[in-house]
Amino acid sequence: MSKRLLLSIILVLIITNVATLIFWKDDSKDSAPKSEKEDEHTERVETVATIGDTEISYEDWVSSLQESQGKKHLKNMIDREVVKQLAAEKNIQINEKLVDSEIALLMTMQGVMTQDEVEKEEES
């Protein structure tokens, strides 16, 4: 590619980015900022989705998430805290990135397991 073509592509990209930033900046002026308490209250009572005439409220959505993923997520949180406390007792330094990568590796390996094996693993 010639230098002139590359420079023209870069110029077009810069102009597009500047135009996008100006567009977003104008949108943010239109919306009035709310206090944190107003946002929190609004989020809990508002409809998060509408399908035809049926509305799904924030509370329905959160309770469904708690039922379907709540136990698994709570167990994960407890396990992490236990590991952190044991590491502190034994004066062991833990790199969070290493822990996250190991968890990702384990989760990937679990994908090979059958559903029964996953359930047994979660129970133990």
C-alpha atoms as a PDB file:
ATOM      1  CA  MET A   1       0.000   0.000   0.000  1.00  0.00           C
ATOM      2  CA  SER A   2       1.190   3.487  -0.714  1.00  0.00           C
ATOM      3  CA  LYS A   3       1.807   6.073   1.982  1.00  0.00           C
ATOM      4  CA  ARG A   4      -0.869   8.336   0.552  1.00  0.00           C
ATOM      5  CA  LEU A   5      -3.532   5.602   0.861  1.00  0.00           C
ATOM      6  CA  LEU A   6      -2.521   4.758   4.425  1.00  0.00           C
ATOM      7  CA  LEU A   7      -2.560   8.429   5.444  1.00  0.00           C
ATOM      8  CA  SER A   8      -6.001   8.922   3.920  1.00  0.00           C
ATOM      9  CA  ILE A   9      -7.342   5.852   5.790  1.00  0.00           C
ATOM     10  CA  ILE A  10      -5.885   7.160   9.067  1.00  0.00           C
ATOM     11  CA  LEU A  11      -7.420  10.594   8.419  1.00  0.00           C
ATOM     12  CA  VAL A  12     -10.857   9.079   7.786  1.00  0.00           C
ATOM     13  CA  LEU A  13     -10.602   7.042  11.002  1.00  0.00           C
ATOM     14  CA  ILE A  14      -9.611  10.104  13.034  1.00  0.00           C
ATOM     15  CA  ILE A  15     -12.504  12.143  11.631  1.00  0.00           C
ATOM     16  CA  THR A  16     -14.921   9.300  12.389  1.00  0.00           C
ATOM     17  CA  ASN A  17     -13.669   9.018  15.966  1.00  0.00           C
ATOM     18  CA  VAL A  18     -13.942  12.772  16.570  1.00  0.00           C
ATOM     19  CA  ALA A  19     -17.471  12.845  15.121  1.00  0.00           C
ATOM     20  CA  THR A  20     -18.461   9.926  17.359  1.00  0.00           C
ATOM     21  CA  LEU A  21     -17.086  11.640  20.462  1.00  0.00           C
ATOM     22  CA  ILE A  22     -18.961  14.844  19.631  1.00  0.00           C
ATOM     23  CA  PHE A  23     -22.170  12.875  19.075  1.00  0.00           C
ATOM     24  CA  TRP A  24     -21.834  11.072  22.447  1.00  0.00           C
ATOM     25  CA  LYS A  25     -20.996  14.294  24.238  1.00  0.00           C
ATOM     26  CA  ASP A  26     -24.212  15.907  22.973  1.00  0.00           C
ATOM     27  CA  ASP A  27     -26.285  12.918  24.138  1.00  0.00           C
ATOM     28  CA  SER A  28     -24.886  13.132  27.659  1.00  0.00           C
ATOM     29  CA  LYS A  29     -26.042  16.775  27.978  1.00  0.00           C
ATOM     30  CA  ASP A  30     -29.659  15.801  27.327  1.00  0.00           C
ATOM     31  CA  SER A  31     -29.931  13.359  30.199  1.00  0.00           C
ATOM     32  CA  ALA A  32     -30.162  14.960  33.634  1.00  0.00           C
ATOM     33  CA  PRO A  33     -27.983  13.287  36.279  1.00  0.00           C
ATOM     34  CA  LYS A  34     -29.832  11.488  39.072  1.00  0.00           C
ATOM     35  CA  SER A  35     -28.762  10.917  42.596  1.00  0.00           C
ATOM     36  CA  GLU A  36     -27.575   7.416  43.511  1.00  0.00           C
ATOM     37  CA  LYS A  37     -30.678   6.814  45.646  1.00  0.00           C
ATOM     38  CA  GLU A  38     -32.990   7.725  42.772  1.00  0.00           C
ATOM     39  CA  ASP A  39     -31.103   5.387  40.416  1.00  0.00           C
ATOM     40  CA  GLU A  40     -31.224   2.539  42.946  1.00  0.00           C
ATOM     41  CA  HIS A  41     -34.956   2.946  43.538  1.00  0.00           C
ATOM     42  CA  THR A  42     -35.769   3.310  39.849  1.00  0.00           C
ATOM     43  CA  GLU A  43     -33.797   0.194  38.920  1.00  0.00           C
ATOM     44  CA  ARG A  44     -35.655  -1.965  41.414  1.00  0.00           C
ATOM     45  CA  VAL A  45     -39.161  -1.052  40.312  1.00  0.00           C
ATOM     46  CA  GLU A  46     -38.752  -0.517  36.602  1.00  0.00           C
ATOM     47  CA  THR A  47     -39.427  -2.969  33.824  1.00  0.00           C
ATOM     48  CA  VAL A  48     -36.228  -4.459  32.405  1.00  0.00           C
ATOM     49  CA  ALA A  49     -37.845  -6.109  29.389  1.00  0.00           C
ATOM     50  CA  THR A  50     -41.162  -6.088  27.544  1.00  0.00           C
ATOM     51  CA  ILE A  51     -42.241  -8.929  25.302  1.00  0.00           C
ATOM     52  CA  GLY A  52     -45.561  -8.125  23.630  1.00  0.00           C
ATOM     53  CA  ASP A  53     -47.894  -7.236  26.516  1.00  0.00           C
ATOM     54  CA  THR A  54     -45.809  -9.082  29.115  1.00  0.00           C
ATOM     55  CA  GLU A  55     -43.356  -7.113  31.245  1.00  0.00           C
ATOM     56  CA  ILE A  56     -40.425  -8.526  33.210  1.00  0.00           C
ATOM     57  CA  SER A  57     -39.675  -6.482  36.310  1.00  0.00           C
ATOM     58  CA  TYR A  58     -36.284  -6.003  37.912  1.00  0.00           C
ATOM     59  CA  GLU A  59     -37.397  -7.996  40.978  1.00  0.00           C
ATOM     60  CA  ASP A  60     -38.581 -10.942  38.859  1.00  0.00           C
ATOM     61  CA  TRP A  61     -35.297 -10.951  36.991  1.00  0.00           C
ATOM     62  CA  VAL A  62     -33.165 -10.855  40.150  1.00  0.00           C
ATOM     63  CA  SER A  63     -35.180 -13.596  41.869  1.00  0.00           C
ATOM     64  CA  SER A  64     -34.843 -15.794  38.776  1.00  0.00           C
ATOM     65  CA  LEU A  65     -31.079 -15.233  38.758  1.00  0.00           C
ATOM     66  CA  GLN A  66     -30.859 -16.115  42.442  1.00  0.00           C
ATOM     67  CA  GLU A  67     -32.804 -19.321  41.905  1.00  0.00           C
ATOM     68  CA  SER A  68     -30.832 -20.465  38.880  1.00  0.00           C
ATOM     69  CA  GLN A  69     -27.298 -19.310  39.696  1.00  0.00           C
ATOM     70  CA  GLY A  70     -27.450 -18.204  43.325  1.00  0.00           C
ATOM     71  CA  LYS A  71     -26.170 -21.366  45.039  1.00  0.00           C
ATOM     72  CA  LYS A  72     -23.328 -21.862  42.579  1.00  0.00           C
ATOM     73  CA  HIS A  73     -22.237 -18.238  42.836  1.00  0.00           C
ATOM     74  CA  LEU A  74     -22.458 -18.229  46.635  1.00  0.00           C
ATOM     75  CA  LYS A  75     -20.340 -21.407  46.796  1.00  0.00           C
ATOM     76  CA  ASN A  76     -17.774 -19.774  44.503  1.00  0.00           C
ATOM     77  CA  MET A  77     -17.649 -16.662  46.721  1.00  0.00           C
ATOM     78  CA  ILE A  78     -17.254 -18.779  49.873  1.00  0.00           C
ATOM     79  CA  ASP A  79     -14.477 -20.851  48.300  1.00  0.00           C
ATOM     80  CA  ARG A  80     -12.565 -17.737  47.250  1.00  0.00           C
ATOM     81  CA  GLU A  81     -12.834 -16.209  50.722  1.00  0.00           C
ATOM     82  CA  VAL A  82     -11.696 -19.429  52.405  1.00  0.00           C
ATOM     83  CA  VAL A  83      -8.656 -19.577  50.122  1.00  0.00           C
ATOM     84  CA  LYS A  84      -7.826 -15.932  50.846  1.00  0.00           C
ATOM     85  CA  GLN A  85      -8.112 -16.419  54.613  1.00  0.00           C
ATOM     86  CA  LEU A  86      -6.005 -19.583  54.583  1.00  0.00           C
ATOM     87  CA  ALA A  87      -3.393 -17.835  52.475  1.00  0.00           C
ATOM     88  CA  ALA A  88      -3.312 -14.940  54.945  1.00  0.00           C
ATOM     89  CA  GLU A  89      -2.882 -17.352  57.880  1.00  0.00           C
ATOM     90  CA  LYS A  90       0.003 -19.137  56.160  1.00  0.00           C
ATOM     91  CA  ASN A  91       1.469 -15.852  54.844  1.00  0.00           C
ATOM     92  CA  ILE A  92       1.106 -16.941  51.209  1.00  0.00           C
ATOM     93  CA  GLN A  93       0.964 -14.294  48.472  1.00  0.00           C
ATOM     94  CA  ILE A  94      -1.704 -14.967  45.825  1.00  0.00           C
ATOM     95  CA  ASN A  95      -1.720 -13.351  42.408  1.00  0.00           C
ATOM     96  CA  GLU A  96      -5.379 -12.767  41.442  1.00  0.00           C
ATOM     97  CA  LYS A  97      -4.615 -13.113  37.721  1.00  0.00           C
ATOM     98  CA  LEU A  98      -3.107 -16.536  38.319  1.00  0.00           C
ATOM     99  CA  VAL A  99      -6.133 -17.635  40.341  1.00  0.00           C
ATOM    100  CA  ASP A 100      -8.513 -16.366  37.651  1.00  0.00           C
ATOM    101  CA  SER A 101      -6.607 -18.159  34.904  1.00  0.00           C
ATOM    102  CA  GLU A 102      -6.607 -21.424  36.877  1.00  0.00           C
ATOM    103  CA  ILE A 103     -10.347 -21.123  37.510  1.00  0.00           C
ATOM    104  CA  ALA A 104     -10.916 -20.477  33.805  1.00  0.00           C
ATOM    105  CA  LEU A 105      -8.857 -23.544  32.971  1.00  0.00           C
ATOM    106  CA  LEU A 106     -10.863 -25.677  35.386  1.00  0.00           C
ATOM    107  CA  MET A 107     -14.149 -24.345  34.040  1.00  0.00           C
ATOM    108  CA  THR A 108     -13.008 -25.177  30.506  1.00  0.00           C
ATOM    109  CA  MET A 109     -12.150 -28.718  31.564  1.00  0.00           C
ATOM    110  CA  GLN A 110     -15.546 -29.071  33.229  1.00  0.00           C
ATOM    111  CA  GLY A 111     -17.159 -28.451  29.845  1.00  0.00           C
ATOM    112  CA  VAL A 112     -15.943 -31.908  28.826  1.00  0.00           C
ATOM    113  CA  MET A 113     -17.739 -33.513  31.782  1.00  0.00           C
ATOM    114  CA  THR A 114     -21.296 -34.814  31.603  1.00  0.00           C
ATOM    115  CA  GLN A 115     -24.104 -32.975  33.403  1.00  0.00           C
ATOM    116  CA  ASP A 116     -24.195 -35.662  36.139  1.00  0.00           C
ATOM    117  CA  GLU A 117     -20.460 -35.263  36.743  1.00  0.00           C
ATOM    118  CA  VAL A 118     -20.835 -31.480  36.998  1.00  0.00           C
ATOM    119  CA  GLU A 119     -23.655 -31.842  39.538  1.00  0.00           C
ATOM    120  CA  LYS A 120     -21.616 -34.293  41.627  1.00  0.00           C
ATOM    121  CA  GLU A 121     -18.630 -31.930  41.517  1.00  0.00           C
ATOM    122  CA  GLU A 122     -20.785 -28.988  42.656  1.00  0.00           C
ATOM    123  CA  GLU A 123     -22.192 -30.985  45.566  1.00  0.00           C
ATOM    124  CA  SER A 124     -18.767 -31.921  46.910  1.00  0.00           C
END
